[in-house]
């Protein structure tokens, strides 16, 4: 595989990671909306039930963090591949 092909595939992976990050942000917004509906319906919400939404947000935050670190590694690998290819 040529350097250009490697860079192209890694760049495509980086774009996919951007898409994942956007979806995670959307999932956080949807989770917040669902938590608000539950809290409203239960007049403040059940601590246990609303706590479950908090755990979902926490998991999404962890996913976002891993996505960001992965993208950094992909970008570093692209830079290395480009340096070796030149």
Protein backbone atom coordinates (compact mmCIF):
# COMPACT_ATOMS: atom_id res chain seq x y z
CA UNK A 1 0.00 0.00 0.00
CA UNK A 2 1.39 3.40 -0.92
CA UNK A 3 1.80 6.29 1.48
CA UNK A 4 -0.97 8.16 -0.33
CA UNK A 5 -3.34 5.22 0.12
CA UNK A 6 -2.48 4.92 3.80
CA UNK A 7 -3.03 8.65 4.34
CA UNK A 8 -6.32 8.50 2.42
CA UNK A 9 -7.62 5.62 4.53
CA UNK A 10 -6.49 7.19 7.79
CA UNK A 11 -8.08 10.50 6.74
CA UNK A 12 -11.33 8.66 6.06
CA UNK A 13 -11.08 7.09 9.52
CA UNK A 14 -10.54 10.55 11.02
CA UNK A 15 -13.68 11.80 9.30
CA UNK A 16 -15.62 8.82 10.69
CA UNK A 17 -14.40 9.75 14.16
CA UNK A 18 -15.74 13.27 13.60
CA UNK A 19 -19.10 11.75 12.68
CA UNK A 20 -19.05 9.60 15.82
CA UNK A 21 -18.34 12.68 17.93
CA UNK A 22 -21.30 14.48 16.37
CA UNK A 23 -23.54 11.49 17.07
CA UNK A 24 -22.35 11.31 20.67
CA UNK A 25 -23.17 15.00 21.15
CA UNK A 26 -26.63 14.39 19.66
CA UNK A 27 -27.11 11.40 21.97
CA UNK A 28 -26.23 13.56 24.98
CA UNK A 29 -28.84 16.12 23.89
CA UNK A 30 -31.46 13.40 23.43
CA UNK A 31 -30.59 11.91 26.82
CA UNK A 32 -31.00 15.31 28.46
CA UNK A 33 -34.36 15.76 26.74
CA UNK A 34 -35.55 12.33 27.86
CA UNK A 35 -34.38 12.99 31.43
CA UNK A 36 -36.29 16.28 31.40
CA UNK A 37 -39.45 14.54 30.25
CA UNK A 38 -39.15 11.95 33.01
CA UNK A 39 -38.44 14.59 35.63
CA UNK A 40 -41.42 16.62 34.44
CA UNK A 41 -43.75 13.63 34.37
CA UNK A 42 -42.71 12.56 37.85
CA UNK A 43 -42.60 16.10 39.24
CA UNK A 44 -38.87 16.11 39.82
CA UNK A 45 -38.34 12.51 38.93
CA UNK A 46 -37.41 9.42 40.77
CA UNK A 47 -33.82 9.70 41.95
CA UNK A 48 -33.08 6.20 40.75
CA UNK A 49 -34.64 6.74 37.33
CA UNK A 50 -33.09 10.14 36.67
CA UNK A 51 -29.79 8.76 37.97
CA UNK A 52 -29.90 6.22 35.16
CA UNK A 53 -29.93 9.08 32.66
CA UNK A 54 -26.91 10.54 34.43
CA UNK A 55 -25.10 7.23 33.97
CA UNK A 56 -25.95 7.28 30.26
CA UNK A 57 -24.48 10.79 29.97
CA UNK A 58 -21.38 9.64 31.84
CA UNK A 59 -20.92 6.71 29.44
CA UNK A 60 -21.37 9.03 26.47
CA UNK A 61 -18.76 11.36 27.95
CA UNK A 62 -16.33 8.47 28.21
CA UNK A 63 -17.06 7.49 24.62
CA UNK A 64 -16.40 11.05 23.54
CA UNK A 65 -13.10 11.09 25.39
CA UNK A 66 -11.95 7.84 23.78
CA UNK A 67 -13.02 9.12 20.37
CA UNK A 68 -10.96 12.28 20.85
CA UNK A 69 -7.86 10.36 21.92
CA UNK A 70 -8.27 7.95 19.02
CA UNK A 71 -8.51 10.83 16.57
CA UNK A 72 -5.32 12.33 17.98
CA UNK A 73 -3.53 9.02 17.39
CA UNK A 74 -4.90 8.76 13.87
CA UNK A 75 -3.74 12.31 13.11
CA UNK A 76 -0.29 11.55 14.52
CA UNK A 77 -0.10 8.40 12.38
CA UNK A 78 -1.05 10.41 9.30
CA UNK A 79 1.75 12.86 10.05
CA UNK A 80 4.25 10.01 10.48
CA UNK A 81 3.12 8.35 7.25
CA UNK A 82 3.45 11.61 5.37
CA UNK A 83 6.92 12.21 6.82
CA UNK A 84 8.06 8.72 5.84
CA UNK A 85 6.52 9.04 2.40
CA UNK A 86 8.49 12.20 1.62
